[in-house]
Amino acid sequence: MKKTFLACTVALMAGLAAPAFAQTQITVVNFGGANANAQKKAYYEPIEKAGIKVVPVEYNGEQAKIKAMVETKKVTWDVVEVESPDVARGCDEGLFEKLDYSKIGNKADFLPSAVTDCGVGVFVWSTVMAYNGEKLKTTPTGWADFWDVKKIPGKRGMRKGARYNLEFALMADGVKPADVYKVLATKDGAERAFKKLTELKPNIQWWEAGAQPPQFLVAGDVVLTTVYNGRIDAANREGRDLKISWPGGIYDLDYWVIPKGAPNKEASLKFIQFAMKPENQAVYSQAIPYGPTNTKTLASLDKKVLADLPTSASNAKEALQFNVSFWADQGEALEKRFASWATQ
């Protein structure tokens, strides 16, 4: 009788313990900061209830780390957030798994630019113009004002590099957002962009880290600056009064990819499917003002949240989508030219 009772007890305890042992663990790699915190709230913590535990890892976008894992067949990362230029390149190099969208969601529900062979866009962010509402009373209306140091005196903050700055320079010179890459692709267009940058050069204060532009604005080091829109929201949540000028902003996507040979491919696809659902993307966009890639999400967001998203109708109206293929083709040459120009 004792043996029977003991056997039943052991069986019952094993049954109770089973869910804990059955839980799958995946490693999800992101860029850290407020973005990582928003992902934790929207995706990592809720999906744990569905039996998938997420172990987050931060990195700086080093594709070389993924390449080393894939080539040595020692892949420890399951899902990785990558920037748009790395999606196509990594796919071409065989670093990422081809995605099975039947296990992710309906492609028609996603932004067209979010759907690629090896990566699915998870959010939309934007590089925009910003200013300190406490210090500047003249609201800038576009990139021509950014360049007009007589109308709005003071230093300008700009990211140190050709990307984005050449596009902004052309828009400041009167090129419509829809025509920017067509013009920049020509020899005369590139010359025009650098000439316009040279006009502003004496008034530029360069930044290299995303945290710097809001700091420059708060300190009064610059009166206007280019900046990632999420950084302005983060500063304002700490009590600042920083403002964004949306016209002519350049928006881009970050993507989920699965490294080739990832140890938990099926669980990774379930995680991505979960992260692409509109109700979960809504939680993410409420935590950080990056736009959802599932188009059904916007209807569930209130006006206050929508006002800060790159994907809202008013903010996207005069925006420019970052052209990945253009920068893949001409980026290296333009960045070298910029580096030389910056030292002159």
C-alpha atoms as a PDB file:
ATOM      1  CA  MET A   1       0.000   0.000   0.000  1.00  0.00           C
ATOM      2  CA  LYS A   2       2.836   2.383   0.904  1.00  0.00           C
ATOM      3  CA  LYS A   3       4.561   1.646  -2.400  1.00  0.00           C
ATOM      4  CA  THR A   4       1.355   2.351  -4.319  1.00  0.00           C
ATOM      5  CA  PHE A   5       0.825   5.647  -2.425  1.00  0.00           C
ATOM      6  CA  LEU A   6       4.476   6.655  -2.975  1.00  0.00           C
ATOM      7  CA  ALA A   7       4.255   5.870  -6.710  1.00  0.00           C
ATOM      8  CA  CYS A   8       1.098   7.977  -7.043  1.00  0.00           C
ATOM      9  CA  THR A   9       2.704  10.856  -5.163  1.00  0.00           C
ATOM     10  CA  VAL A  10       5.813  10.781  -7.363  1.00  0.00           C
ATOM     11  CA  ALA A  11       3.646  10.643 -10.488  1.00  0.00           C
ATOM     12  CA  LEU A  12       1.562  13.589  -9.270  1.00  0.00           C
ATOM     13  CA  MET A  13       4.662  15.671  -8.449  1.00  0.00           C
ATOM     14  CA  ALA A  14       6.174  14.866 -11.854  1.00  0.00           C
ATOM     15  CA  GLY A  15       2.934  15.984 -13.513  1.00  0.00           C
ATOM     16  CA  LEU A  16       2.966  19.285 -11.618  1.00  0.00           C
ATOM     17  CA  ALA A  17       6.603  19.891 -12.486  1.00  0.00           C
ATOM     18  CA  ALA A  18       6.229  19.041 -16.181  1.00  0.00           C
ATOM     19  CA  PRO A  19       5.313  22.527 -17.467  1.00  0.00           C
ATOM     20  CA  ALA A  20       8.482  24.029 -15.974  1.00  0.00           C
ATOM     21  CA  PHE A  21      10.677  21.465 -17.685  1.00  0.00           C
ATOM     22  CA  ALA A  22       8.699  21.684 -20.942  1.00  0.00           C
ATOM     23  CA  GLN A  23       9.305  25.412 -21.250  1.00  0.00           C
ATOM     24  CA  THR A  24      11.503  26.360 -24.215  1.00  0.00           C
ATOM     25  CA  GLN A  25      14.234  28.930 -23.733  1.00  0.00           C
ATOM     26  CA  ILE A  26      15.361  31.206 -26.583  1.00  0.00           C
ATOM     27  CA  THR A  27      17.964  33.939 -26.792  1.00  0.00           C
ATOM     28  CA  VAL A  28      16.723  37.189 -28.357  1.00  0.00           C
ATOM     29  CA  VAL A  29      19.323  39.803 -29.275  1.00  0.00           C
ATOM     30  CA  ASN A  30      18.509  43.526 -29.346  1.00  0.00           C
ATOM     31  CA  PHE A  31      20.161  46.958 -29.239  1.00  0.00           C
ATOM     32  CA  GLY A  32      19.382  47.641 -25.570  1.00  0.00           C
ATOM     33  CA  GLY A  33      18.076  50.838 -23.969  1.00  0.00           C
ATOM     34  CA  ALA A  34      14.442  51.942 -24.083  1.00  0.00           C
ATOM     35  CA  ASN A  35      13.863  49.698 -27.105  1.00  0.00           C
ATOM     36  CA  ALA A  36      14.881  46.611 -25.132  1.00  0.00           C
ATOM     37  CA  ASN A  37      12.660  47.652 -22.208  1.00  0.00           C
ATOM     38  CA  ALA A  38       9.697  48.082 -24.569  1.00  0.00           C
ATOM     39  CA  GLN A  39      10.340  44.658 -26.123  1.00  0.00           C
ATOM     40  CA  LYS A  40      10.499  43.106 -22.672  1.00  0.00           C
ATOM     41  CA  LYS A  41       7.103  44.534 -21.758  1.00  0.00           C
ATOM     42  CA  ALA A  42       5.400  43.791 -25.078  1.00  0.00           C
ATOM     43  CA  TYR A  43       6.958  40.463 -26.061  1.00  0.00           C
ATOM     44  CA  TYR A  44       9.376  38.787 -23.647  1.00  0.00           C
ATOM     45  CA  GLU A  45       7.291  38.748 -20.472  1.00  0.00           C
ATOM     46  CA  PRO A  46       3.897  37.910 -22.074  1.00  0.00           C
ATOM     47  CA  ILE A  47       5.199  35.035 -24.218  1.00  0.00           C
ATOM     48  CA  GLU A  48       6.660  33.344 -21.158  1.00  0.00           C
ATOM     49  CA  LYS A  49       3.062  32.504 -20.197  1.00  0.00           C
ATOM     50  CA  ALA A  50       2.841  30.594 -23.480  1.00  0.00           C
ATOM     51  CA  GLY A  51       5.825  28.442 -22.534  1.00  0.00           C
ATOM     52  CA  ILE A  52       8.706  30.315 -24.169  1.00  0.00           C
ATOM     53  CA  LYS A  53      11.252  31.961 -21.883  1.00  0.00           C
ATOM     54  CA  VAL A  54      13.260  34.763 -23.486  1.00  0.00           C
ATOM     55  CA  VAL A  55      16.838  35.420 -22.474  1.00  0.00           C
ATOM     56  CA  PRO A  56      17.684  38.921 -23.784  1.00  0.00           C
ATOM     57  CA  VAL A  57      21.170  39.816 -25.010  1.00  0.00           C
ATOM     58  CA  GLU A  58      22.387  43.291 -26.048  1.00  0.00           C
ATOM     59  CA  TYR A  59      24.745  43.998 -28.953  1.00  0.00           C
ATOM     60  CA  ASN A  60      25.753  46.874 -31.231  1.00  0.00           C
ATOM     61  CA  GLY A  61      24.702  45.331 -34.526  1.00  0.00           C
ATOM     62  CA  GLU A  62      27.943  43.466 -35.173  1.00  0.00           C
ATOM     63  CA  GLN A  63      27.110  41.149 -38.062  1.00  0.00           C
ATOM     64  CA  ALA A  64      30.594  39.661 -37.688  1.00  0.00           C
ATOM     65  CA  LYS A  65      29.441  37.913 -34.488  1.00  0.00           C
ATOM     66  CA  ILE A  66      26.603  36.206 -36.336  1.00  0.00           C
ATOM     67  CA  LYS A  67      28.914  35.270 -39.198  1.00  0.00           C
ATOM     68  CA  ALA A  68      31.435  33.688 -36.817  1.00  0.00           C
ATOM     69  CA  MET A  69      28.705  31.615 -35.126  1.00  0.00           C
ATOM     70  CA  VAL A  70      27.264  30.396 -38.436  1.00  0.00           C
ATOM     71  CA  GLU A  71      30.642  29.546 -39.980  1.00  0.00           C
ATOM     72  CA  THR A  72      31.810  27.606 -36.912  1.00  0.00           C
ATOM     73  CA  LYS A  73      28.356  26.004 -36.531  1.00  0.00           C
ATOM     74  CA  LYS A  74      28.228  27.206 -32.918  1.00  0.00           C
ATOM     75  CA  VAL A  75      25.085  29.334 -33.066  1.00  0.00           C
ATOM     76  CA  THR A  76      23.802  30.337 -29.619  1.00  0.00           C
ATOM     77  CA  TRP A  77      21.457  33.165 -30.680  1.00  0.00           C
ATOM     78  CA  ASP A  78      17.906  32.347 -31.768  1.00  0.00           C
ATOM     79  CA  VAL A  79      16.366  35.656 -32.853  1.00  0.00           C
ATOM     80  CA  VAL A  80      18.368  38.790 -33.648  1.00  0.00           C
ATOM     81  CA  GLU A  81      17.235  42.368 -34.275  1.00  0.00           C
ATOM     82  CA  VAL A  82      19.158  43.771 -37.241  1.00  0.00           C
ATOM     83  CA  GLU A  83      19.114  47.039 -39.167  1.00  0.00           C
ATOM     84  CA  SER A  84      17.819  47.175 -42.737  1.00  0.00           C
ATOM     85  CA  PRO A  85      21.191  47.207 -44.578  1.00  0.00           C
ATOM     86  CA  ASP A  86      22.154  43.977 -42.801  1.00  0.00           C
ATOM     87  CA  VAL A  87      19.027  42.003 -43.744  1.00  0.00           C
ATOM     88  CA  ALA A  88      19.680  41.637 -47.475  1.00  0.00           C
ATOM     89  CA  ARG A  89      23.439  41.336 -47.040  1.00  0.00           C
ATOM     90  CA  GLY A  90      23.144  38.633 -44.378  1.00  0.00           C
ATOM     91  CA  CYS A  91      20.552  36.779 -46.459  1.00  0.00           C
ATOM     92  CA  ASP A  92      22.806  36.840 -49.529  1.00  0.00           C
ATOM     93  CA  GLU A  93      25.710  35.538 -47.462  1.00  0.00           C
ATOM     94  CA  GLY A  94      23.646  32.666 -46.077  1.00  0.00           C
ATOM     95  CA  LEU A  95      23.784  33.890 -42.487  1.00  0.00           C
ATOM     96  CA  PHE A  96      20.021  33.822 -41.890  1.00  0.00           C
ATOM     97  CA  GLU A  97      17.272  31.227 -42.205  1.00  0.00           C
ATOM     98  CA  LYS A  98      14.641  31.776 -44.904  1.00  0.00           C
ATOM     99  CA  LEU A  99      11.390  32.625 -43.128  1.00  0.00           C
ATOM    100  CA  ASP A 100       8.212  30.570 -43.410  1.00  0.00           C
ATOM    101  CA  TYR A 101       5.484  33.239 -43.313  1.00  0.00           C
ATOM    102  CA  SER A 102       2.758  30.626 -42.860  1.00  0.00           C
ATOM    103  CA  LYS A 103       4.143  30.357 -39.312  1.00  0.00           C
ATOM    104  CA  ILE A 104       4.436  34.146 -38.803  1.00  0.00           C
ATOM    105  CA  GLY A 105       1.298  35.810 -40.130  1.00  0.00           C
ATOM    106  CA  ASN A 106      -0.518  37.171 -43.141  1.00  0.00           C
ATOM    107  CA  LYS A 107       1.916  39.126 -45.331  1.00  0.00           C
ATOM    108  CA  ALA A 108      -0.942  41.384 -46.434  1.00  0.00           C
ATOM    109  CA  ASP A 109      -1.282  42.668 -42.851  1.00  0.00           C
ATOM    110  CA  PHE A 110       2.330  43.870 -42.763  1.00  0.00           C
ATOM    111  CA  LEU A 111       3.935  46.946 -44.289  1.00  0.00           C
ATOM    112  CA  PRO A 112       5.325  45.914 -47.709  1.00  0.00           C
ATOM    113  CA  SER A 113       8.846  46.926 -46.643  1.00  0.00           C
ATOM    114  CA  ALA A 114       8.553  44.663 -43.585  1.00  0.00           C
ATOM    115  CA  VAL A 115       8.366  41.495 -45.673  1.00  0.00           C
ATOM    116  CA  THR A 116      11.691  40.045 -46.879  1.00  0.00           C
ATOM    117  CA  ASP A 117      12.978  36.509 -47.438  1.00  0.00           C
ATOM    118  CA  CYS A 118      15.146  36.344 -44.319  1.00  0.00           C
ATOM    119  CA  GLY A 119      13.832  39.110 -42.088  1.00  0.00           C
ATOM    120  CA  VAL A 120      10.487  40.524 -40.998  1.00  0.00           C
ATOM    121  CA  GLY A 121      10.242  44.183 -39.985  1.00  0.00           C
ATOM    122  CA  VAL A 122       9.380  44.591 -36.329  1.00  0.00           C
ATOM    123  CA  PHE A 123       9.171  48.382 -35.939  1.00  0.00           C
ATOM    124  CA  VAL A 124       9.620  51.666 -37.800  1.00  0.00           C
ATOM    125  CA  TRP A 125      11.892  54.405 -36.451  1.00  0.00           C
ATOM    126  CA  SER A 126      12.876  57.745 -37.864  1.00  0.00           C
ATOM    127  CA  THR A 127      15.773  60.209 -37.998  1.00  0.00           C
ATOM    128  CA  VAL A 128      14.205  63.616 -37.575  1.00  0.00           C
ATOM    129  CA  MET A 129      14.904  67.247 -36.678  1.00  0.00           C
ATOM    130  CA  ALA A 130      14.411  68.266 -33.049  1.00  0.00           C
ATOM    131  CA  TYR A 131      14.681  71.356 -30.872  1.00  0.00           C
ATOM    132  CA  ASN A 132      14.250  72.426 -27.251  1.00  0.00           C
ATOM    133  CA  GLY A 133      10.770  73.867 -26.721  1.00  0.00           C
ATOM    134  CA  GLU A 134      11.974  75.813 -23.691  1.00  0.00           C
ATOM    135  CA  LYS A 135      14.756  77.549 -25.601  1.00  0.00           C
ATOM    136  CA  LEU A 136      13.474  77.973 -29.179  1.00  0.00           C
ATOM    137  CA  LYS A 137      10.240  79.816 -29.889  1.00  0.00           C
ATOM    138  CA  THR A 138      10.626  79.859 -33.704  1.00  0.00           C
ATOM    139  CA  THR A 139       9.232  76.533 -34.907  1.00  0.00           C
ATOM    140  CA  PRO A 140      11.296  75.154 -37.838  1.00  0.00           C
ATOM    141  CA  THR A 141       9.179  74.042 -40.771  1.00  0.00           C
ATOM    142  CA  GLY A 142      11.693  71.995 -42.752  1.00  0.00           C
ATOM    143  CA  TRP A 143      15.328  71.398 -43.617  1.00  0.00           C
ATOM    144  CA  ALA A 144      15.683  74.827 -45.249  1.00  0.00           C
ATOM    145  CA  ASP A 145      15.224  76.284 -41.749  1.00  0.00           C
ATOM    146  CA  PHE A 146      17.831  73.870 -40.385  1.00  0.00           C
ATOM    147  CA  TRP A 147      20.320  75.406 -42.818  1.00  0.00           C
ATOM    148  CA  ASP A 148      19.152  79.023 -42.233  1.00  0.00           C
ATOM    149  CA  VAL A 149      21.404  80.240 -39.407  1.00  0.00           C
ATOM    150  CA  LYS A 150      20.200  83.827 -39.885  1.00  0.00           C
ATOM    151  CA  LYS A 151      16.564  82.934 -39.273  1.00  0.00           C
ATOM    152  CA  ILE A 152      17.432  80.551 -36.419  1.00  0.00           C
ATOM    153  CA  PRO A 153      20.928  81.394 -35.064  1.00  0.00           C
ATOM    154  CA  GLY A 154      22.973  78.727 -33.334  1.00  0.00           C
ATOM    155  CA  LYS A 155      24.804  75.440 -33.789  1.00  0.00           C
ATOM    156  CA  ARG A 156      23.297  72.399 -35.504  1.00  0.00           C
ATOM    157  CA  GLY A 157      23.800  68.840 -34.315  1.00  0.00           C
ATOM    158  CA  MET A 158      24.338  66.202 -37.017  1.00  0.00           C
ATOM    159  CA  ARG A 159      25.365  62.550 -36.990  1.00  0.00           C
ATOM    160  CA  LYS A 160      28.932  62.194 -38.221  1.00  0.00           C
ATOM    161  CA  GLY A 161      28.514  60.349 -41.503  1.00  0.00           C
ATOM    162  CA  ALA A 162      27.158  60.660 -45.025  1.00  0.00           C
ATOM    163  CA  ARG A 163      23.988  58.647 -44.426  1.00  0.00           C
ATOM    164  CA  TYR A 164      20.921  60.838 -43.776  1.00  0.00           C
ATOM    165  CA  ASN A 165      22.946  64.083 -43.979  1.00  0.00           C
ATOM    166  CA  LEU A 166      23.196  64.001 -47.781  1.00  0.00           C
ATOM    167  CA  GLU A 167      19.450  63.424 -48.038  1.00  0.00           C
ATOM    168  CA  PHE A 168      18.742  66.274 -45.609  1.00  0.00           C
ATOM    169  CA  ALA A 169      21.091  68.567 -47.542  1.00  0.00           C
ATOM    170  CA  LEU A 170      19.223  67.964 -50.796  1.00  0.00           C
ATOM    171  CA  MET A 171      15.854  68.593 -49.143  1.00  0.00           C
ATOM    172  CA  ALA A 172      17.270  71.819 -47.678  1.00  0.00           C
ATOM    173  CA  ASP A 173      18.261  72.745 -51.225  1.00  0.00           C
ATOM    174  CA  GLY A 174      14.714  72.307 -52.466  1.00  0.00           C
ATOM    175  CA  VAL A 175      14.589  68.685 -53.629  1.00  0.00           C
ATOM    176  CA  LYS A 176      11.272  66.998 -52.855  1.00  0.00           C
ATOM    177  CA  PRO A 177      11.492  63.894 -50.613  1.00  0.00           C
ATOM    178  CA  ALA A 178      10.182  61.682 -53.440  1.00  0.00           C
ATOM    179  CA  ASP A 179      13.058  62.796 -55.714  1.00  0.00           C
ATOM    180  CA  VAL A 180      15.954  62.713 -53.234  1.00  0.00           C
ATOM    181  CA  TYR A 181      17.470  59.344 -54.171  1.00  0.00           C
ATOM    182  CA  LYS A 182      16.962  59.934 -57.891  1.00  0.00           C
ATOM    183  CA  VAL A 183      19.004  63.149 -57.573  1.00  0.00           C
ATOM    184  CA  LEU A 184      21.572  61.752 -55.134  1.00  0.00           C
ATOM    185  CA  ALA A 185      22.273  58.826 -57.481  1.00  0.00           C
ATOM    186  CA  THR A 186      23.770  61.225 -60.050  1.00  0.00           C
ATOM    187  CA  LYS A 187      27.249  62.734 -59.942  1.00  0.00           C
ATOM    188  CA  ASP A 188      25.783  66.250 -60.004  1.00  0.00           C
ATOM    189  CA  GLY A 189      23.323  65.361 -57.251  1.00  0.00           C
ATOM    190  CA  ALA A 190      26.059  64.110 -54.913  1.00  0.00           C
ATOM    191  CA  GLU A 191      28.078  67.236 -55.684  1.00  0.00           C
ATOM    192  CA  ARG A 192      25.042  69.372 -54.863  1.00  0.00           C
ATOM    193  CA  ALA A 193      24.536  67.615 -51.524  1.00  0.00           C
ATOM    194  CA  PHE A 194      28.156  68.074 -50.439  1.00  0.00           C
ATOM    195  CA  LYS A 195      28.103  71.714 -51.549  1.00  0.00           C
ATOM    196  CA  LYS A 196      25.033  72.304 -49.377  1.00  0.00           C
ATOM    197  CA  LEU A 197      26.674  70.552 -46.425  1.00  0.00           C
ATOM    198  CA  THR A 198      29.724  72.786 -46.856  1.00  0.00           C
ATOM    199  CA  GLU A 199      27.490  75.841 -46.394  1.00  0.00           C
ATOM    200  CA  LEU A 200      26.468  74.611 -42.947  1.00  0.00           C
ATOM    201  CA  LYS A 201      29.792  73.076 -41.926  1.00  0.00           C
ATOM    202  CA  PRO A 202      31.023  75.986 -39.700  1.00  0.00           C
ATOM    203  CA  ASN A 203      27.842  75.645 -37.619  1.00  0.00           C
ATOM    204  CA  ILE A 204      27.797  71.853 -37.207  1.00  0.00           C
ATOM    205  CA  GLN A 205      28.441  70.023 -33.945  1.00  0.00           C
ATOM    206  CA  TRP A 206      28.831  66.330 -34.753  1.00  0.00           C
ATOM    207  CA  TRP A 207      27.339  63.490 -32.750  1.00  0.00           C
ATOM    208  CA  GLU A 208      28.120  59.771 -32.940  1.00  0.00           C
ATOM    209  CA  ALA A 209      26.044  58.187 -30.152  1.00  0.00           C
ATOM    210  CA  GLY A 210      22.243  58.318 -30.143  1.00  0.00           C
ATOM    211  CA  ALA A 211      22.145  59.670 -26.595  1.00  0.00           C
ATOM    212  CA  GLN A 212      24.100  62.818 -27.529  1.00  0.00           C
ATOM    213  CA  PRO A 213      21.550  64.931 -29.500  1.00  0.00           C
ATOM    214  CA  PRO A 214      19.043  65.287 -26.606  1.00  0.00           C
ATOM    215  CA  GLN A 215      21.957  66.127 -24.295  1.00  0.00           C
ATOM    216  CA  PHE A 216      23.136  68.823 -26.721  1.00  0.00           C
ATOM    217  CA  LEU A 217      19.635  70.338 -26.835  1.00  0.00           C
ATOM    218  CA  VAL A 218      19.162  70.314 -23.057  1.00  0.00           C
ATOM    219  CA  ALA A 219      22.591  71.876 -22.486  1.00  0.00           C
ATOM    220  CA  GLY A 220      21.958  74.505 -25.164  1.00  0.00           C
ATOM    221  CA  ASP A 221      25.024  73.414 -27.153  1.00  0.00           C
ATOM    222  CA  VAL A 222      22.898  73.270 -30.314  1.00  0.00           C
ATOM    223  CA  VAL A 223      19.607  74.913 -31.255  1.00  0.00           C
ATOM    224  CA  LEU A 224      18.544  72.236 -33.775  1.00  0.00           C
ATOM    225  CA  THR A 225      19.735  68.672 -34.249  1.00  0.00           C
ATOM    226  CA  THR A 226      19.126  65.484 -36.186  1.00  0.00           C
ATOM    227  CA  VAL A 227      18.116  62.691 -33.825  1.00  0.00           C
ATOM    228  CA  TYR A 228      16.434  59.283 -33.582  1.00  0.00           C
ATOM    229  CA  ASN A 229      12.802  59.980 -32.641  1.00  0.00           C
ATOM    230  CA  GLY A 230      12.803  57.468 -29.774  1.00  0.00           C
ATOM    231  CA  ARG A 231      15.557  59.427 -28.021  1.00  0.00           C
ATOM    232  CA  ILE A 232      13.332  62.517 -27.857  1.00  0.00           C
ATOM    233  CA  ASP A 233      10.523  60.537 -26.256  1.00  0.00           C
ATOM    234  CA  ALA A 234      12.928  59.057 -23.705  1.00  0.00           C
ATOM    235  CA  ALA A 235      14.160  62.555 -22.751  1.00  0.00           C
ATOM    236  CA  ASN A 236      10.618  63.905 -22.472  1.00  0.00           C
ATOM    237  CA  ARG A 237       9.632  61.045 -20.176  1.00  0.00           C
ATOM    238  CA  GLU A 238      12.322  62.414 -17.888  1.00  0.00           C
ATOM    239  CA  GLY A 239      10.641  65.822 -17.835  1.00  0.00           C
ATOM    240  CA  ARG A 240      12.244  67.593 -20.817  1.00  0.00           C
ATOM    241  CA  ASP A 241      10.354  69.677 -23.377  1.00  0.00           C
ATOM    242  CA  LEU A 242      11.990  68.602 -26.627  1.00  0.00           C
ATOM    243  CA  LYS A 243      10.043  68.895 -29.873  1.00  0.00           C
ATOM    244  CA  ILE A 244      10.192  67.094 -33.216  1.00  0.00           C
ATOM    245  CA  SER A 245       9.776  68.620 -36.661  1.00  0.00           C
ATOM    246  CA  TRP A 246       8.514  65.679 -38.759  1.00  0.00           C
ATOM    247  CA  PRO A 247       8.552  66.961 -42.391  1.00  0.00           C
ATOM    248  CA  GLY A 248      11.470  65.423 -44.277  1.00  0.00           C
ATOM    249  CA  GLY A 249      12.246  62.836 -41.619  1.00  0.00           C
ATOM    250  CA  ILE A 250      13.858  59.617 -42.872  1.00  0.00           C
ATOM    251  CA  TYR A 251      12.214  56.448 -41.619  1.00  0.00           C
ATOM    252  CA  ASP A 252      13.606  52.929 -41.579  1.00  0.00           C
ATOM    253  CA  LEU A 253      12.810  49.512 -40.140  1.00  0.00           C
ATOM    254  CA  ASP A 254      14.557  47.088 -37.837  1.00  0.00           C
ATOM    255  CA  TYR A 255      14.009  43.397 -38.539  1.00  0.00           C
ATOM    256  CA  TRP A 256      13.860  40.050 -36.774  1.00  0.00           C
ATOM    257  CA  VAL A 257      16.121  37.382 -38.281  1.00  0.00           C
ATOM    258  CA  ILE A 258      16.966  33.825 -37.272  1.00  0.00           C
ATOM    259  CA  PRO A 259      20.674  32.954 -37.654  1.00  0.00           C
ATOM    260  CA  LYS A 260      21.350  29.931 -39.859  1.00  0.00           C
ATOM    261  CA  GLY A 261      21.486  26.867 -37.619  1.00  0.00           C
ATOM    262  CA  ALA A 262      19.818  28.547 -34.612  1.00  0.00           C
ATOM    263  CA  PRO A 263      19.138  25.895 -31.954  1.00  0.00           C
ATOM    264  CA  ASN A 264      15.428  26.643 -31.447  1.00  0.00           C
ATOM    265  CA  LYS A 265      14.035  27.504 -34.872  1.00  0.00           C
ATOM    266  CA  GLU A 266      10.400  26.514 -34.247  1.00  0.00           C
ATOM    267  CA  ALA A 267      10.227  28.382 -30.931  1.00  0.00           C
ATOM    268  CA  SER A 268      11.874  31.361 -32.625  1.00  0.00           C
ATOM    269  CA  LEU A 269       9.155  31.415 -35.303  1.00  0.00           C
ATOM    270  CA  LYS A 270       6.495  31.256 -32.568  1.00  0.00           C
ATOM    271  CA  PHE A 271       8.154  34.223 -30.850  1.00  0.00           C
ATOM    272  CA  ILE A 272       8.227  36.242 -34.093  1.00  0.00           C
ATOM    273  CA  GLN A 273       4.586  35.346 -34.784  1.00  0.00           C
ATOM    274  CA  PHE A 274       3.694  36.583 -31.290  1.00  0.00           C
ATOM    275  CA  ALA A 275       5.646  39.823 -31.795  1.00  0.00           C
ATOM    276  CA  MET A 276       3.888  40.525 -35.099  1.00  0.00           C
ATOM    277  CA  LYS A 277       0.378  40.395 -33.646  1.00  0.00           C
ATOM    278  CA  PRO A 278      -1.326  43.824 -33.593  1.00  0.00           C
ATOM    279  CA  GLU A 279      -2.286  43.653 -29.921  1.00  0.00           C
ATOM    280  CA  ASN A 280       1.333  43.014 -28.911  1.00  0.00           C
ATOM    281  CA  GLN A 281       2.757  45.643 -31.252  1.00  0.00           C
ATOM    282  CA  ALA A 282       0.318  48.121 -29.691  1.00  0.00           C
ATOM    283  CA  VAL A 283       1.871  47.508 -26.265  1.00  0.00           C
ATOM    284  CA  TYR A 284       5.322  48.072 -27.784  1.00  0.00           C
ATOM    285  CA  SER A 285       4.374  51.376 -29.466  1.00  0.00           C
ATOM    286  CA  GLN A 286       2.826  52.622 -26.235  1.00  0.00           C
ATOM    287  CA  ALA A 287       6.118  51.984 -24.460  1.00  0.00           C
ATOM    288  CA  ILE A 288       8.340  53.636 -27.114  1.00  0.00           C
ATOM    289  CA  PRO A 289       7.224  55.762 -30.116  1.00  0.00           C
ATOM    290  CA  TYR A 290       8.360  53.408 -32.854  1.00  0.00           C
ATOM    291  CA  GLY A 291       5.737  52.555 -35.437  1.00  0.00           C
ATOM    292  CA  PRO A 292       4.150  49.106 -35.714  1.00  0.00           C
ATOM    293  CA  THR A 293       4.690  47.069 -38.867  1.00  0.00           C
ATOM    294  CA  ASN A 294       1.367  45.249 -38.604  1.00  0.00           C
ATOM    295  CA  THR A 295      -0.989  47.782 -40.191  1.00  0.00           C
ATOM    296  CA  LYS A 296      -3.921  46.582 -38.081  1.00  0.00           C
ATOM    297  CA  THR A 297      -2.208  47.973 -34.963  1.00  0.00           C
ATOM    298  CA  LEU A 298      -2.796  51.692 -35.621  1.00  0.00           C
ATOM    299  CA  ALA A 299      -6.575  51.446 -35.139  1.00  0.00           C
ATOM    300  CA  SER A 300      -6.088  50.397 -31.508  1.00  0.00           C
ATOM    301  CA  LEU A 301      -3.768  53.265 -30.547  1.00  0.00           C
ATOM    302  CA  ASP A 302      -5.039  56.533 -29.103  1.00  0.00           C
ATOM    303  CA  LYS A 303      -4.312  59.948 -30.615  1.00  0.00           C
ATOM    304  CA  LYS A 304      -1.619  60.820 -28.070  1.00  0.00           C
ATOM    305  CA  VAL A 305       0.425  57.728 -28.989  1.00  0.00           C
ATOM    306  CA  LEU A 306      -0.187  58.164 -32.731  1.00  0.00           C
ATOM    307  CA  ALA A 307       1.066  61.763 -32.608  1.00  0.00           C
ATOM    308  CA  ASP A 308       4.575  60.529 -31.802  1.00  0.00           C
ATOM    309  CA  LEU A 309       4.815  57.635 -34.280  1.00  0.00           C
ATOM    310  CA  PRO A 310       6.718  57.820 -37.591  1.00  0.00           C
ATOM    311  CA  THR A 311       3.944  55.708 -39.143  1.00  0.00           C
ATOM    312  CA  SER A 312       1.013  57.962 -38.226  1.00  0.00           C
ATOM    313  CA  ALA A 313      -0.614  59.591 -41.261  1.00  0.00           C
ATOM    314  CA  SER A 314       0.384  63.145 -40.320  1.00  0.00           C
ATOM    315  CA  ASN A 315       4.023  62.331 -39.542  1.00  0.00           C
ATOM    316  CA  ALA A 316       4.557  60.041 -42.543  1.00  0.00           C
ATOM    317  CA  LYS A 317       2.982  62.478 -45.017  1.00  0.00           C
ATOM    318  CA  GLU A 318       6.235  64.267 -45.925  1.00  0.00           C
ATOM    319  CA  ALA A 319       8.655  61.550 -44.822  1.00  0.00           C
ATOM    320  CA  LEU A 320      11.280  59.735 -46.858  1.00  0.00           C
ATOM    321  CA  GLN A 321      11.947  56.010 -46.612  1.00  0.00           C
ATOM    322  CA  PHE A 322      15.611  55.142 -46.218  1.00  0.00           C
ATOM    323  CA  ASN A 323      16.745  53.546 -49.470  1.00  0.00           C
ATOM    324  CA  VAL A 324      18.675  50.412 -48.522  1.00  0.00           C
ATOM    325  CA  SER A 325      19.633  49.420 -52.060  1.00  0.00           C
ATOM    326  CA  PHE A 326      20.976  52.898 -52.841  1.00  0.00           C
ATOM    327  CA  TRP A 327      23.264  52.874 -49.807  1.00  0.00           C
ATOM    328  CA  ALA A 328      24.292  49.279 -50.503  1.00  0.00           C
ATOM    329  CA  ASP A 329      25.414  50.344 -53.992  1.00  0.00           C
ATOM    330  CA  GLN A 330      26.926  53.770 -53.289  1.00  0.00           C
ATOM    331  CA  GLY A 331      27.302  53.968 -49.536  1.00  0.00           C
ATOM    332  CA  GLU A 332      30.955  52.956 -49.294  1.00  0.00           C
ATOM    333  CA  ALA A 333      32.094  55.573 -51.804  1.00  0.00           C
ATOM    334  CA  LEU A 334      29.943  58.317 -50.264  1.00  0.00           C
ATOM    335  CA  GLU A 335      31.110  57.538 -46.726  1.00  0.00           C
ATOM    336  CA  LYS A 336      34.755  57.698 -47.855  1.00  0.00           C
ATOM    337  CA  ARG A 337      34.078  61.025 -49.547  1.00  0.00           C
ATOM    338  CA  PHE A 338      32.352  62.289 -46.405  1.00  0.00           C
ATOM    339  CA  ALA A 339      35.258  61.240 -44.167  1.00  0.00           C
ATOM    340  CA  SER A 340      37.657  63.144 -46.412  1.00  0.00           C
ATOM    341  CA  TRP A 341      35.330  66.160 -46.581  1.00  0.00           C
ATOM    342  CA  ALA A 342      34.887  66.256 -42.790  1.00  0.00           C
ATOM    343  CA  THR A 343      38.652  66.614 -42.202  1.00  0.00           C
ATOM    344  CA  GLN A 344      39.084  69.519 -44.657  1.00  0.00           C
END
